[in-house]
Amino acid sequence: MNHTGEHQESLEYTEIYSFLGATLCIFSSTIVPPFFYSRIGRNNIQKYIPWFSCFGVGIILSLIFQHNFVDINEMVTWDETFSIVFLSGVLMNYITLFSFTTDDHCCEEDNKIEECCNDNDEVHQMVQNNQINNQQIKNRYNQKHWAYSILIGDSFCNFSDGLIITSSFLGCGMDSGLIVLLGVILHEISHEIGDFSLILDSGYSFKKSIALNFISSLSIYLGWIVTILLDYHNIKNVNLYLLTFSSGMLSSLTISILPKMIKNKSLMIQNLRLFTLLIGMSLGTIMFTFLPLHCEDHRDHDGHDN
């Protein structure tokens, strides 16, 4: 009975730690991008976004395949159920990418608005009538279309971050949870720098861009709540399933954006960005190989077999 009480108390502390971890992730992804933007400058930061993104992709892929899957395999045997859950996470990412907008962010390029948005009747009519100049049309179109899609997609990404952080703390313990938190923060900072820049370029002010970025990051708490509620229902291996599902979402998301981040007119730049991806994966490999105590260690420490 005493052992049960101690375990319950340990679980409550783990929930608190996971909440604090989610909060740290929110503030790091909200504060760091504006800081970088203000220090580096509006013109220069566009050059660095692909490099940040490639590095972040390398970190998150290492986290998923060299830490999360190792943790899951230490607790249970990977079977077809986990494969289905992982693929469901992959599918969910594509649902979030294509279910809310048909815009392909063509307006990010330095094309004329007529060429960029040639399938949009409203924009064509505005150009023909010369109601406002080309740049104003571009800002209006961008703000209406791709700023919202970025925020929606980012909210789902943050939701999966909440799932993966909380399920790691609850399912695998403090040590493993902190490692997952570190990997997610490194990925999120790289990812959010790009998103913040795109929101600014869509026509929003600096302060409003910070506010919108902060609001979208709050969906991390939704992931925390969902994980806690499912854990209270004592569904067998629910935390491991959530860890698998969120890993599927994040791996699919990062791989989806990777070709666009690597692509460049210069072959040398493309190869250097691939090298940046490898740097992120190498750093992740070092962190997730030598730093963590995995689920197996946590299980032995608590005296449980599952």
C-alpha atoms as a PDB file:
ATOM      1  CA  MET A   1       0.000   0.000   0.000  1.00  0.00           C
ATOM      2  CA  ASN A   2       2.855   2.299   0.843  1.00  0.00           C
ATOM      3  CA  HIS A   3       4.537   1.399  -2.434  1.00  0.00           C
ATOM      4  CA  THR A   4       1.342   2.287  -4.334  1.00  0.00           C
ATOM      5  CA  GLY A   5       1.191   5.656  -2.578  1.00  0.00           C
ATOM      6  CA  GLU A   6       4.802   6.382  -3.439  1.00  0.00           C
ATOM      7  CA  HIS A   7       4.169   5.456  -7.058  1.00  0.00           C
ATOM      8  CA  GLN A   8       1.112   7.739  -7.196  1.00  0.00           C
ATOM      9  CA  GLU A   9       3.107  10.609  -5.713  1.00  0.00           C
ATOM     10  CA  SER A  10       5.885   9.987  -8.234  1.00  0.00           C
ATOM     11  CA  LEU A  11       3.311  10.060 -11.039  1.00  0.00           C
ATOM     12  CA  GLU A  12       1.946  13.402  -9.850  1.00  0.00           C
ATOM     13  CA  TYR A  13       5.412  14.907  -9.809  1.00  0.00           C
ATOM     14  CA  THR A  14       6.008  13.568 -13.312  1.00  0.00           C
ATOM     15  CA  GLU A  15       2.856  15.308 -14.504  1.00  0.00           C
ATOM     16  CA  ILE A  16       4.111  18.570 -13.000  1.00  0.00           C
ATOM     17  CA  TYR A  17       7.507  18.131 -14.651  1.00  0.00           C
ATOM     18  CA  SER A  18       5.873  17.446 -18.002  1.00  0.00           C
ATOM     19  CA  PHE A  19       3.748  20.599 -17.621  1.00  0.00           C
ATOM     20  CA  LEU A  20       6.834  22.669 -16.797  1.00  0.00           C
ATOM     21  CA  GLY A  21       8.590  21.121 -19.791  1.00  0.00           C
ATOM     22  CA  ALA A  22       5.689  22.043 -22.073  1.00  0.00           C
ATOM     23  CA  THR A  23       5.751  25.590 -20.667  1.00  0.00           C
ATOM     24  CA  LEU A  24       9.504  25.881 -21.283  1.00  0.00           C
ATOM     25  CA  CYS A  25       8.979  24.718 -24.859  1.00  0.00           C
ATOM     26  CA  ILE A  26       6.276  27.369 -25.376  1.00  0.00           C
ATOM     27  CA  PHE A  27       8.412  30.229 -24.107  1.00  0.00           C
ATOM     28  CA  SER A  28      11.555  29.129 -25.928  1.00  0.00           C
ATOM     29  CA  SER A  29       9.676  28.877 -29.239  1.00  0.00           C
ATOM     30  CA  THR A  30       7.985  32.250 -28.607  1.00  0.00           C
ATOM     31  CA  ILE A  31      10.894  34.316 -27.281  1.00  0.00           C
ATOM     32  CA  VAL A  32      13.921  33.034 -29.213  1.00  0.00           C
ATOM     33  CA  PRO A  33      12.644  33.631 -32.804  1.00  0.00           C
ATOM     34  CA  PRO A  34      11.862  37.356 -32.237  1.00  0.00           C
ATOM     35  CA  PHE A  35      15.242  37.727 -30.520  1.00  0.00           C
ATOM     36  CA  PHE A  36      17.044  36.192 -33.488  1.00  0.00           C
ATOM     37  CA  TYR A  37      14.975  38.275 -35.882  1.00  0.00           C
ATOM     38  CA  SER A  38      15.748  41.537 -34.103  1.00  0.00           C
ATOM     39  CA  ARG A  39      19.456  40.735 -33.749  1.00  0.00           C
ATOM     40  CA  ILE A  40      20.104  39.349 -37.227  1.00  0.00           C
ATOM     41  CA  GLY A  41      17.796  41.699 -39.124  1.00  0.00           C
ATOM     42  CA  ARG A  42      14.904  41.306 -41.509  1.00  0.00           C
ATOM     43  CA  ASN A  43      17.010  41.060 -44.654  1.00  0.00           C
ATOM     44  CA  ASN A  44      19.585  38.622 -43.304  1.00  0.00           C
ATOM     45  CA  ILE A  45      17.353  36.135 -41.495  1.00  0.00           C
ATOM     46  CA  GLN A  46      15.778  34.903 -44.729  1.00  0.00           C
ATOM     47  CA  LYS A  47      19.177  33.558 -45.720  1.00  0.00           C
ATOM     48  CA  TYR A  48      19.474  31.503 -42.540  1.00  0.00           C
ATOM     49  CA  ILE A  49      15.984  29.954 -42.379  1.00  0.00           C
ATOM     50  CA  PRO A  50      16.835  26.897 -44.563  1.00  0.00           C
ATOM     51  CA  TRP A  51      19.968  26.258 -42.502  1.00  0.00           C
ATOM     52  CA  PHE A  52      18.068  26.441 -39.206  1.00  0.00           C
ATOM     53  CA  SER A  53      15.404  24.135 -40.616  1.00  0.00           C
ATOM     54  CA  CYS A  54      17.877  21.524 -41.893  1.00  0.00           C
ATOM     55  CA  PHE A  55      19.592  21.456 -38.510  1.00  0.00           C
ATOM     56  CA  GLY A  56      16.251  21.125 -36.697  1.00  0.00           C
ATOM     57  CA  VAL A  57      15.147  18.286 -38.964  1.00  0.00           C
ATOM     58  CA  GLY A  58      18.349  16.394 -38.184  1.00  0.00           C
ATOM     59  CA  ILE A  59      17.773  16.804 -34.436  1.00  0.00           C
ATOM     60  CA  ILE A  60      14.146  15.662 -34.481  1.00  0.00           C
ATOM     61  CA  LEU A  61      14.792  12.660 -36.737  1.00  0.00           C
ATOM     62  CA  SER A  62      17.570  11.522 -34.407  1.00  0.00           C
ATOM     63  CA  LEU A  63      15.246  11.996 -31.441  1.00  0.00           C
ATOM     64  CA  ILE A  64      12.514   9.875 -33.021  1.00  0.00           C
ATOM     65  CA  PHE A  65      14.546   7.019 -34.439  1.00  0.00           C
ATOM     66  CA  GLN A  66      17.403   6.841 -31.936  1.00  0.00           C
ATOM     67  CA  HIS A  67      15.581   7.650 -28.722  1.00  0.00           C
ATOM     68  CA  ASN A  68      11.791   7.316 -28.916  1.00  0.00           C
ATOM     69  CA  PHE A  69      11.752   4.006 -30.750  1.00  0.00           C
ATOM     70  CA  VAL A  70      14.475   2.672 -28.464  1.00  0.00           C
ATOM     71  CA  ASP A  71      12.362   3.630 -25.438  1.00  0.00           C
ATOM     72  CA  ILE A  72       9.266   1.947 -26.876  1.00  0.00           C
ATOM     73  CA  ASN A  73      11.168  -1.220 -27.712  1.00  0.00           C
ATOM     74  CA  GLU A  74      12.583  -1.386 -24.192  1.00  0.00           C
ATOM     75  CA  MET A  75       9.087  -1.363 -22.721  1.00  0.00           C
ATOM     76  CA  VAL A  76       7.146  -3.533 -25.177  1.00  0.00           C
ATOM     77  CA  THR A  77       7.684  -5.543 -28.330  1.00  0.00           C
ATOM     78  CA  TRP A  78       7.094  -3.495 -31.453  1.00  0.00           C
ATOM     79  CA  ASP A  79       4.209  -5.092 -33.354  1.00  0.00           C
ATOM     80  CA  GLU A  80       1.677  -4.287 -36.061  1.00  0.00           C
ATOM     81  CA  THR A  81      -0.387  -2.171 -33.638  1.00  0.00           C
ATOM     82  CA  PHE A  82       2.484   0.261 -33.098  1.00  0.00           C
ATOM     83  CA  SER A  83       3.122   0.290 -36.860  1.00  0.00           C
ATOM     84  CA  ILE A  84      -0.508   1.289 -37.494  1.00  0.00           C
ATOM     85  CA  VAL A  85      -0.325   4.014 -34.832  1.00  0.00           C
ATOM     86  CA  PHE A  86       2.895   5.382 -36.346  1.00  0.00           C
ATOM     87  CA  LEU A  87       1.401   5.435 -39.847  1.00  0.00           C
ATOM     88  CA  SER A  88      -1.702   7.141 -38.432  1.00  0.00           C
ATOM     89  CA  GLY A  89       0.562   9.922 -37.170  1.00  0.00           C
ATOM     90  CA  VAL A  90       2.133  10.200 -40.631  1.00  0.00           C
ATOM     91  CA  LEU A  91      -1.333  10.423 -42.206  1.00  0.00           C
ATOM     92  CA  MET A  92      -2.468  13.016 -39.655  1.00  0.00           C
ATOM     93  CA  ASN A  93       0.391  15.282 -40.688  1.00  0.00           C
ATOM     94  CA  TYR A  94      -0.715  15.217 -44.320  1.00  0.00           C
ATOM     95  CA  ILE A  95      -4.296  15.854 -43.281  1.00  0.00           C
ATOM     96  CA  THR A  96      -3.178  19.011 -41.493  1.00  0.00           C
ATOM     97  CA  LEU A  97      -1.062  20.045 -44.493  1.00  0.00           C
ATOM     98  CA  PHE A  98      -3.733  19.705 -47.173  1.00  0.00           C
ATOM     99  CA  SER A  99      -7.141  19.876 -45.483  1.00  0.00           C
ATOM    100  CA  PHE A 100      -7.209  23.607 -44.706  1.00  0.00           C
ATOM    101  CA  THR A 101      -5.777  25.344 -47.771  1.00  0.00           C
ATOM    102  CA  THR A 102      -4.719  24.783 -51.372  1.00  0.00           C
ATOM    103  CA  ASP A 103      -2.115  27.527 -51.181  1.00  0.00           C
ATOM    104  CA  ASP A 104       1.414  26.322 -51.910  1.00  0.00           C
ATOM    105  CA  HIS A 105       3.179  29.437 -50.544  1.00  0.00           C
ATOM    106  CA  CYS A 106       4.154  30.519 -54.041  1.00  0.00           C
ATOM    107  CA  CYS A 107       4.010  34.105 -52.829  1.00  0.00           C
ATOM    108  CA  GLU A 108       7.169  33.506 -50.821  1.00  0.00           C
ATOM    109  CA  GLU A 109       9.081  33.705 -54.084  1.00  0.00           C
ATOM    110  CA  ASP A 110      10.190  36.935 -55.761  1.00  0.00           C
ATOM    111  CA  ASN A 111       7.615  36.580 -58.535  1.00  0.00           C
ATOM    112  CA  LYS A 112       5.122  39.147 -59.729  1.00  0.00           C
ATOM    113  CA  ILE A 113       1.764  38.812 -58.038  1.00  0.00           C
ATOM    114  CA  GLU A 114       0.104  38.000 -61.380  1.00  0.00           C
ATOM    115  CA  GLU A 115       2.449  35.035 -61.920  1.00  0.00           C
ATOM    116  CA  CYS A 116       2.486  33.935 -58.298  1.00  0.00           C
ATOM    117  CA  CYS A 117      -1.290  33.849 -57.840  1.00  0.00           C
ATOM    118  CA  ASN A 118      -2.468  33.246 -61.395  1.00  0.00           C
ATOM    119  CA  ASP A 119      -5.152  30.817 -60.248  1.00  0.00           C
ATOM    120  CA  ASN A 120      -6.833  33.347 -57.945  1.00  0.00           C
ATOM    121  CA  ASP A 121      -9.647  35.322 -59.629  1.00  0.00           C
ATOM    122  CA  GLU A 122      -9.832  37.915 -56.830  1.00  0.00           C
ATOM    123  CA  VAL A 123      -6.163  38.818 -57.137  1.00  0.00           C
ATOM    124  CA  HIS A 124      -6.356  38.900 -60.951  1.00  0.00           C
ATOM    125  CA  GLN A 125      -9.271  41.323 -60.842  1.00  0.00           C
ATOM    126  CA  MET A 126      -7.480  43.552 -58.340  1.00  0.00           C
ATOM    127  CA  VAL A 127      -4.396  43.686 -60.579  1.00  0.00           C
ATOM    128  CA  GLN A 128      -6.390  44.428 -63.716  1.00  0.00           C
ATOM    129  CA  ASN A 129      -8.327  47.231 -62.069  1.00  0.00           C
ATOM    130  CA  ASN A 130      -5.168  48.744 -60.548  1.00  0.00           C
ATOM    131  CA  GLN A 131      -7.002  49.264 -57.280  1.00  0.00           C
ATOM    132  CA  ILE A 132      -3.821  48.966 -55.205  1.00  0.00           C
ATOM    133  CA  ASN A 133      -0.181  48.478 -56.111  1.00  0.00           C
ATOM    134  CA  ASN A 134       1.473  45.118 -56.604  1.00  0.00           C
ATOM    135  CA  GLN A 135       3.179  44.946 -53.182  1.00  0.00           C
ATOM    136  CA  GLN A 136      -0.021  45.823 -51.331  1.00  0.00           C
ATOM    137  CA  ILE A 137      -1.870  43.102 -53.241  1.00  0.00           C
ATOM    138  CA  LYS A 138       0.874  40.651 -52.382  1.00  0.00           C
ATOM    139  CA  ASN A 139       0.754  41.508 -48.688  1.00  0.00           C
ATOM    140  CA  ARG A 140      -3.025  41.237 -48.600  1.00  0.00           C
ATOM    141  CA  TYR A 141      -3.031  37.903 -50.413  1.00  0.00           C
ATOM    142  CA  ASN A 142      -0.247  36.513 -48.254  1.00  0.00           C
ATOM    143  CA  GLN A 143      -1.839  37.628 -44.995  1.00  0.00           C
ATOM    144  CA  LYS A 144      -5.210  36.187 -45.967  1.00  0.00           C
ATOM    145  CA  HIS A 145      -3.943  32.869 -47.250  1.00  0.00           C
ATOM    146  CA  TRP A 146      -0.594  31.604 -46.079  1.00  0.00           C
ATOM    147  CA  ALA A 147      -0.244  33.250 -42.662  1.00  0.00           C
ATOM    148  CA  TYR A 148      -3.362  31.406 -41.496  1.00  0.00           C
ATOM    149  CA  SER A 149      -2.234  28.104 -42.990  1.00  0.00           C
ATOM    150  CA  ILE A 150       1.146  28.466 -41.265  1.00  0.00           C
ATOM    151  CA  LEU A 151      -0.538  29.106 -37.911  1.00  0.00           C
ATOM    152  CA  ILE A 152      -2.900  26.146 -38.317  1.00  0.00           C
ATOM    153  CA  GLY A 153      -0.092  23.805 -39.321  1.00  0.00           C
ATOM    154  CA  ASP A 154       2.106  25.112 -36.520  1.00  0.00           C
ATOM    155  CA  SER A 155      -0.679  24.497 -33.991  1.00  0.00           C
ATOM    156  CA  PHE A 156      -0.879  20.835 -35.002  1.00  0.00           C
ATOM    157  CA  CYS A 157       2.909  20.576 -34.829  1.00  0.00           C
ATOM    158  CA  ASN A 158       2.872  22.060 -31.324  1.00  0.00           C
ATOM    159  CA  PHE A 159       0.059  19.700 -30.342  1.00  0.00           C
ATOM    160  CA  SER A 160       2.235  16.748 -31.333  1.00  0.00           C
ATOM    161  CA  ASP A 161       5.095  18.314 -29.340  1.00  0.00           C
ATOM    162  CA  GLY A 162       2.827  18.319 -26.283  1.00  0.00           C
ATOM    163  CA  LEU A 163       2.003  14.662 -26.874  1.00  0.00           C
ATOM    164  CA  ILE A 164       5.594  13.581 -27.306  1.00  0.00           C
ATOM    165  CA  ILE A 165       6.932  15.539 -24.308  1.00  0.00           C
ATOM    166  CA  THR A 166       4.198  14.469 -21.880  1.00  0.00           C
ATOM    167  CA  SER A 167       4.078  10.826 -22.962  1.00  0.00           C
ATOM    168  CA  SER A 168       7.864  10.632 -22.580  1.00  0.00           C
ATOM    169  CA  PHE A 169       7.740  11.967 -19.017  1.00  0.00           C
ATOM    170  CA  LEU A 170       4.815   9.739 -18.002  1.00  0.00           C
ATOM    171  CA  GLY A 171       5.865   6.611 -19.842  1.00  0.00           C
ATOM    172  CA  CYS A 172       9.622   6.707 -19.446  1.00  0.00           C
ATOM    173  CA  GLY A 173      10.407   8.943 -16.492  1.00  0.00           C
ATOM    174  CA  MET A 174      12.239  12.134 -15.710  1.00  0.00           C
ATOM    175  CA  ASP A 175      15.565  11.424 -17.414  1.00  0.00           C
ATOM    176  CA  SER A 176      14.094  10.302 -20.706  1.00  0.00           C
ATOM    177  CA  GLY A 177      11.542  13.111 -20.642  1.00  0.00           C
ATOM    178  CA  LEU A 178      14.239  15.756 -20.259  1.00  0.00           C
ATOM    179  CA  ILE A 179      16.145  14.384 -23.237  1.00  0.00           C
ATOM    180  CA  VAL A 180      12.997  14.437 -25.375  1.00  0.00           C
ATOM    181  CA  LEU A 181      12.294  17.987 -24.181  1.00  0.00           C
ATOM    182  CA  LEU A 182      15.796  19.086 -25.187  1.00  0.00           C
ATOM    183  CA  GLY A 183      15.417  17.580 -28.665  1.00  0.00           C
ATOM    184  CA  VAL A 184      11.966  19.112 -29.185  1.00  0.00           C
ATOM    185  CA  ILE A 185      13.149  22.577 -28.071  1.00  0.00           C
ATOM    186  CA  LEU A 186      16.131  22.492 -30.448  1.00  0.00           C
ATOM    187  CA  HIS A 187      13.825  21.477 -33.273  1.00  0.00           C
ATOM    188  CA  GLU A 188      11.101  23.981 -32.361  1.00  0.00           C
ATOM    189  CA  ILE A 189      13.457  26.960 -32.171  1.00  0.00           C
ATOM    190  CA  SER A 190      14.785  26.188 -35.653  1.00  0.00           C
ATOM    191  CA  HIS A 191      11.258  25.643 -36.967  1.00  0.00           C
ATOM    192  CA  GLU A 192       9.691  28.687 -35.301  1.00  0.00           C
ATOM    193  CA  ILE A 193      12.343  31.093 -36.603  1.00  0.00           C
ATOM    194  CA  GLY A 194      11.135  30.295 -40.113  1.00  0.00           C
ATOM    195  CA  ASP A 195       7.444  30.464 -39.222  1.00  0.00           C
ATOM    196  CA  PHE A 196       7.862  33.765 -37.402  1.00  0.00           C
ATOM    197  CA  SER A 197       9.624  35.264 -40.392  1.00  0.00           C
ATOM    198  CA  LEU A 198       6.880  34.128 -42.774  1.00  0.00           C
ATOM    199  CA  ILE A 199       4.153  35.546 -40.523  1.00  0.00           C
ATOM    200  CA  LEU A 200       5.980  38.898 -40.472  1.00  0.00           C
ATOM    201  CA  ASP A 201       6.369  38.861 -44.244  1.00  0.00           C
ATOM    202  CA  SER A 202       2.643  38.264 -44.630  1.00  0.00           C
ATOM    203  CA  GLY A 203       1.996  41.795 -43.404  1.00  0.00           C
ATOM    204  CA  TYR A 204       1.510  41.501 -39.648  1.00  0.00           C
ATOM    205  CA  SER A 205       3.330  43.813 -37.259  1.00  0.00           C
ATOM    206  CA  PHE A 206       6.216  42.590 -35.108  1.00  0.00           C
ATOM    207  CA  LYS A 207       4.140  42.560 -31.899  1.00  0.00           C
ATOM    208  CA  LYS A 208       1.140  40.888 -33.527  1.00  0.00           C
ATOM    209  CA  SER A 209       3.385  38.233 -35.075  1.00  0.00           C
ATOM    210  CA  ILE A 210       4.748  37.439 -31.603  1.00  0.00           C
ATOM    211  CA  ALA A 211       1.194  37.226 -30.228  1.00  0.00           C
ATOM    212  CA  LEU A 212       0.001  34.923 -33.030  1.00  0.00           C
ATOM    213  CA  ASN A 213       3.063  32.715 -32.669  1.00  0.00           C
ATOM    214  CA  PHE A 214       2.447  32.497 -28.916  1.00  0.00           C
ATOM    215  CA  ILE A 215      -1.232  31.611 -29.374  1.00  0.00           C
ATOM    216  CA  SER A 216      -0.408  28.796 -31.809  1.00  0.00           C
ATOM    217  CA  SER A 217       2.233  27.446 -29.404  1.00  0.00           C
ATOM    218  CA  LEU A 218      -0.418  27.087 -26.661  1.00  0.00           C
ATOM    219  CA  SER A 219      -1.659  23.953 -28.423  1.00  0.00           C
ATOM    220  CA  ILE A 220       1.268  22.233 -26.662  1.00  0.00           C
ATOM    221  CA  TYR A 221      -0.922  22.418 -23.552  1.00  0.00           C
ATOM    222  CA  LEU A 222      -3.707  20.673 -25.463  1.00  0.00           C
ATOM    223  CA  GLY A 223      -1.318  17.800 -26.160  1.00  0.00           C
ATOM    224  CA  TRP A 224      -0.423  17.756 -22.451  1.00  0.00           C
ATOM    225  CA  ILE A 225      -4.109  17.639 -21.426  1.00  0.00           C
ATOM    226  CA  VAL A 226      -4.978  14.855 -23.883  1.00  0.00           C
ATOM    227  CA  THR A 227      -2.057  12.738 -22.675  1.00  0.00           C
ATOM    228  CA  ILE A 228      -2.916  13.261 -18.994  1.00  0.00           C
ATOM    229  CA  LEU A 229      -6.608  12.418 -19.537  1.00  0.00           C
ATOM    230  CA  LEU A 230      -5.824   9.238 -21.450  1.00  0.00           C
ATOM    231  CA  ASP A 231      -3.286   8.239 -18.825  1.00  0.00           C
ATOM    232  CA  TYR A 232      -5.912   8.592 -16.068  1.00  0.00           C
ATOM    233  CA  HIS A 233      -8.096   6.030 -17.861  1.00  0.00           C
ATOM    234  CA  ASN A 234      -5.334   3.438 -17.384  1.00  0.00           C
ATOM    235  CA  ILE A 235      -5.382   2.336 -21.014  1.00  0.00           C
ATOM    236  CA  LYS A 236      -2.623  -0.202 -21.467  1.00  0.00           C
ATOM    237  CA  ASN A 237       0.514   1.329 -23.034  1.00  0.00           C
ATOM    238  CA  VAL A 238      -1.387   4.530 -23.875  1.00  0.00           C
ATOM    239  CA  ASN A 239       1.690   6.700 -23.326  1.00  0.00           C
ATOM    240  CA  LEU A 240       3.744   4.548 -25.673  1.00  0.00           C
ATOM    241  CA  TYR A 241       1.006   4.731 -28.310  1.00  0.00           C
ATOM    242  CA  LEU A 242       0.906   8.516 -27.976  1.00  0.00           C
ATOM    243  CA  LEU A 243       4.688   8.640 -28.229  1.00  0.00           C
ATOM    244  CA  THR A 244       4.487   6.544 -31.407  1.00  0.00           C
ATOM    245  CA  PHE A 245       1.683   8.639 -32.908  1.00  0.00           C
ATOM    246  CA  SER A 246       3.414  11.959 -32.254  1.00  0.00           C
ATOM    247  CA  SER A 247       6.683  10.526 -33.589  1.00  0.00           C
ATOM    248  CA  GLY A 248       4.861   9.680 -36.815  1.00  0.00           C
ATOM    249  CA  MET A 249       3.470  13.209 -37.077  1.00  0.00           C
ATOM    250  CA  LEU A 250       6.802  14.913 -36.423  1.00  0.00           C
ATOM    251  CA  SER A 251       8.862  12.655 -38.690  1.00  0.00           C
ATOM    252  CA  SER A 252       6.382  13.159 -41.540  1.00  0.00           C
ATOM    253  CA  LEU A 253       6.311  16.917 -40.969  1.00  0.00           C
ATOM    254  CA  THR A 254      10.068  17.326 -40.976  1.00  0.00           C
ATOM    255  CA  ILE A 255      10.547  15.131 -44.047  1.00  0.00           C
ATOM    256  CA  SER A 256       7.787  17.074 -45.855  1.00  0.00           C
ATOM    257  CA  ILE A 257       9.550  20.422 -45.464  1.00  0.00           C
ATOM    258  CA  LEU A 258      13.072  19.078 -46.000  1.00  0.00           C
ATOM    259  CA  PRO A 259      13.207  19.130 -49.855  1.00  0.00           C
ATOM    260  CA  LYS A 260      12.097  22.765 -49.930  1.00  0.00           C
ATOM    261  CA  MET A 261      14.721  23.740 -47.352  1.00  0.00           C
ATOM    262  CA  ILE A 262      17.557  21.958 -49.172  1.00  0.00           C
ATOM    263  CA  LYS A 263      16.685  23.078 -52.692  1.00  0.00           C
ATOM    264  CA  ASN A 264      18.829  25.869 -54.130  1.00  0.00           C
ATOM    265  CA  LYS A 265      20.060  27.039 -57.520  1.00  0.00           C
ATOM    266  CA  SER A 266      23.618  26.335 -56.381  1.00  0.00           C
ATOM    267  CA  LEU A 267      24.619  22.688 -56.078  1.00  0.00           C
ATOM    268  CA  MET A 268      27.261  23.623 -53.518  1.00  0.00           C
ATOM    269  CA  ILE A 269      24.639  25.319 -51.307  1.00  0.00           C
ATOM    270  CA  GLN A 270      22.425  22.238 -51.557  1.00  0.00           C
ATOM    271  CA  ASN A 271      25.283  20.014 -50.476  1.00  0.00           C
ATOM    272  CA  LEU A 272      26.157  22.342 -47.607  1.00  0.00           C
ATOM    273  CA  ARG A 273      22.549  22.243 -46.404  1.00  0.00           C
ATOM    274  CA  LEU A 274      22.659  18.457 -46.556  1.00  0.00           C
ATOM    275  CA  PHE A 275      25.807  18.682 -44.459  1.00  0.00           C
ATOM    276  CA  THR A 276      23.919  20.892 -41.967  1.00  0.00           C
ATOM    277  CA  LEU A 277      21.260  18.169 -41.802  1.00  0.00           C
ATOM    278  CA  LEU A 278      23.994  15.631 -41.031  1.00  0.00           C
ATOM    279  CA  ILE A 279      25.400  17.914 -38.318  1.00  0.00           C
ATOM    280  CA  GLY A 280      21.966  17.984 -36.660  1.00  0.00           C
ATOM    281  CA  MET A 281      21.647  14.206 -36.921  1.00  0.00           C
ATOM    282  CA  SER A 282      25.180  13.707 -35.574  1.00  0.00           C
ATOM    283  CA  LEU A 283      24.553  15.997 -32.604  1.00  0.00           C
ATOM    284  CA  GLY A 284      21.284  14.173 -31.964  1.00  0.00           C
ATOM    285  CA  THR A 285      23.055  10.826 -32.159  1.00  0.00           C
ATOM    286  CA  ILE A 286      25.590  11.943 -29.551  1.00  0.00           C
ATOM    287  CA  MET A 287      22.913  13.336 -27.216  1.00  0.00           C
ATOM    288  CA  PHE A 288      20.488  10.445 -27.485  1.00  0.00           C
ATOM    289  CA  THR A 289      23.158   7.745 -27.303  1.00  0.00           C
ATOM    290  CA  PHE A 290      25.253   8.916 -24.352  1.00  0.00           C
ATOM    291  CA  LEU A 291      22.991  11.152 -22.254  1.00  0.00           C
ATOM    292  CA  PRO A 292      19.656   9.411 -21.592  1.00  0.00           C
ATOM    293  CA  LEU A 293      18.510   6.777 -19.163  1.00  0.00           C
ATOM    294  CA  HIS A 294      15.965   4.925 -21.242  1.00  0.00           C
ATOM    295  CA  CYS A 295      12.654   3.377 -20.273  1.00  0.00           C
ATOM    296  CA  GLU A 296      14.307   0.139 -19.232  1.00  0.00           C
ATOM    297  CA  ASP A 297      16.296   1.950 -16.522  1.00  0.00           C
ATOM    298  CA  HIS A 298      13.218   3.876 -15.371  1.00  0.00           C
ATOM    299  CA  ARG A 299      11.206   0.662 -15.145  1.00  0.00           C
ATOM    300  CA  ASP A 300      13.848  -1.081 -13.030  1.00  0.00           C
ATOM    301  CA  HIS A 301      14.138   1.921 -10.744  1.00  0.00           C
ATOM    302  CA  ASP A 302      10.408   1.981 -10.055  1.00  0.00           C
ATOM    303  CA  GLY A 303      10.243  -1.752  -9.617  1.00  0.00           C
ATOM    304  CA  HIS A 304       7.636  -2.296 -12.330  1.00  0.00           C
ATOM    305  CA  ASP A 305       7.690  -4.728 -15.230  1.00  0.00           C
ATOM    306  CA  ASN A 306       5.598  -2.624 -17.598  1.00  0.00           C
END
